[in-house]
Amino acid sequence: MHKDHSLTHHIVNQAQFYAGLASITRELPAHWAGGPYYAENWEDPTDFKPYIYVEVTEEGYGLWDRAINHHWFALNSTSYPYKEYYSHLKRIRGIDARKKYAEAFNIQEREKRIIRNTII
């Protein structure tokens, strides 16, 4: 939906790729970073399938609630009820994860491989 979301996706994936290349001279050694994790949001819901659920504790939810209450747009937008949506989404994902609150993320399809040792 947003060009900046698409561009950020591209930049992060390129940075992840280049960070893992040992052939690039740099101060620190090459490092492969897992992810990225894609957060669920109302603006990019197309084909989002939750893959990883992370519990949000009562303390974490309280911190989020206090923080979002400082964002005028999240409380006063006439086009979308941001705070209401995300607070309910945390509860819905919590129910999915058998917790009170949770957030859901997805990862690249190519990262969804489970490799186990051979069982003899």
Protein backbone atom coordinates (compact mmCIF):
# COMPACT_ATOMS: atom_id res chain seq x y z
CA MET A 1 0.00 0.00 0.00
CA HIS A 2 2.86 2.37 0.79
CA LYS A 3 5.92 2.91 -1.37
CA ASP A 4 8.06 3.44 1.74
CA HIS A 5 7.04 0.00 3.08
CA SER A 6 8.05 -1.67 -0.21
CA LEU A 7 11.32 0.23 -0.40
CA THR A 8 12.17 -0.55 3.24
CA HIS A 9 11.57 -4.25 2.53
CA HIS A 10 14.02 -4.10 -0.36
CA ILE A 11 16.68 -2.15 1.60
CA VAL A 12 16.52 -4.49 4.62
CA ASN A 13 16.84 -7.60 2.44
CA GLN A 14 19.81 -6.09 0.58
CA ALA A 15 21.50 -5.11 3.87
CA GLN A 16 20.97 -8.62 5.22
CA PHE A 17 22.52 -10.11 2.09
CA TYR A 18 25.58 -7.82 2.06
CA ALA A 19 26.17 -8.17 5.81
CA GLY A 20 26.61 -11.91 5.30
CA LEU A 21 29.19 -11.68 2.51
CA ALA A 22 32.69 -12.53 3.77
CA SER A 23 34.24 -11.11 0.59
CA ILE A 24 33.48 -7.51 1.58
CA THR A 25 36.26 -5.78 3.52
CA ARG A 26 34.96 -4.19 6.69
CA GLU A 27 35.89 -3.46 10.29
CA LEU A 28 33.79 -6.29 11.72
CA PRO A 29 33.45 -9.81 10.31
CA ALA A 30 30.57 -10.80 8.06
CA HIS A 31 27.45 -11.85 9.90
CA TRP A 32 24.28 -13.52 8.67
CA ALA A 33 21.26 -12.13 10.47
CA GLY A 34 18.09 -14.18 10.58
CA GLY A 35 14.78 -12.75 9.56
CA PRO A 36 13.53 -10.27 8.86
CA TYR A 37 10.31 -10.75 10.75
CA TYR A 38 7.32 -9.11 9.10
CA ALA A 39 4.91 -7.53 11.54
CA GLU A 40 1.19 -7.72 10.97
CA ASN A 41 -0.42 -4.38 10.16
CA TRP A 42 -3.66 -3.14 8.70
CA GLU A 43 -2.01 -1.37 5.77
CA ASP A 44 -0.35 -4.47 4.29
CA PRO A 45 -2.71 -7.34 5.13
CA THR A 46 -2.64 -9.05 1.74
CA ASP A 47 -1.58 -12.67 2.12
CA PHE A 48 -0.32 -12.18 5.70
CA LYS A 49 -0.18 -15.57 7.38
CA PRO A 50 0.94 -15.62 11.02
CA TYR A 51 3.94 -17.90 11.47
CA ILE A 52 5.56 -16.75 14.72
CA TYR A 53 3.65 -15.62 17.77
CA VAL A 54 5.38 -13.62 20.50
CA GLU A 55 3.67 -13.21 23.85
CA VAL A 56 3.07 -9.65 25.02
CA THR A 57 3.10 -9.61 28.82
CA GLU A 58 0.76 -7.46 30.91
CA GLU A 59 3.71 -5.16 31.59
CA GLY A 60 4.55 -4.98 27.88
CA TYR A 61 0.94 -4.29 26.97
CA GLY A 62 0.78 -1.51 29.58
CA LEU A 63 3.94 0.07 28.19
CA TRP A 64 2.54 -0.11 24.64
CA ASP A 65 -0.76 1.42 25.82
CA ARG A 66 1.01 4.32 27.55
CA ALA A 67 3.19 4.91 24.48
CA ILE A 68 0.40 4.82 21.91
CA ASN A 69 -1.59 7.28 24.01
CA HIS A 70 1.09 9.87 23.13
CA HIS A 71 0.48 9.50 19.39
CA TRP A 72 -2.21 11.94 18.33
CA PHE A 73 -2.73 10.19 15.00
CA ALA A 74 -3.37 6.78 16.62
CA LEU A 75 -6.05 8.29 18.84
CA ASN A 76 -7.65 10.89 16.58
CA SER A 77 -7.46 9.64 13.00
CA THR A 78 -10.78 10.11 11.24
CA SER A 79 -9.84 7.53 8.61
CA TYR A 80 -8.92 4.54 10.80
CA PRO A 81 -9.20 3.58 14.50
CA TYR A 82 -5.50 2.63 14.96
CA LYS A 83 -5.37 2.15 18.72
CA GLU A 84 -8.59 0.15 18.77
CA TYR A 85 -7.43 -2.08 15.92
CA TYR A 86 -4.01 -2.85 17.35
CA SER A 87 -5.23 -3.38 20.91
CA HIS A 88 -7.84 -5.86 19.70
CA LEU A 89 -5.33 -7.51 17.36
CA LYS A 90 -2.98 -8.12 20.31
CA ARG A 91 -5.86 -9.84 22.11
CA ILE A 92 -6.90 -11.91 19.08
CA ARG A 93 -3.34 -13.09 18.47
CA GLY A 94 -3.05 -13.79 22.18
CA ILE A 95 -6.07 -16.08 21.96
CA ASP A 96 -4.46 -17.81 18.95
CA ALA A 97 -1.28 -18.34 20.99
CA ARG A 98 -3.11 -19.39 24.18
CA LYS A 99 -1.85 -16.24 25.92
CA LYS A 100 -3.58 -13.06 27.01
CA TYR A 101 -1.81 -10.90 24.42
CA ALA A 102 0.55 -11.67 21.53
CA GLU A 103 1.81 -10.27 18.27
CA ALA A 104 2.13 -12.28 15.07
CA PHE A 105 4.93 -12.17 12.53
CA ASN A 106 5.77 -13.87 9.28
CA ILE A 107 9.10 -14.70 7.65
CA GLN A 108 10.28 -15.40 4.11
CA GLU A 109 8.99 -18.67 2.69
CA ARG A 110 12.55 -19.87 2.06
CA GLU A 111 13.24 -19.58 5.81
CA LYS A 112 10.36 -21.93 6.70
CA ARG A 113 12.42 -25.07 6.55
CA ILE A 114 12.96 -27.39 9.46
CA ILE A 115 16.02 -29.57 9.04
CA ARG A 116 16.44 -32.43 11.49
CA ASN A 117 19.20 -34.96 11.98
CA THR A 118 18.64 -38.35 10.44
CA ILE A 119 16.84 -40.79 12.68
CA ILE A 120 18.15 -44.34 12.36
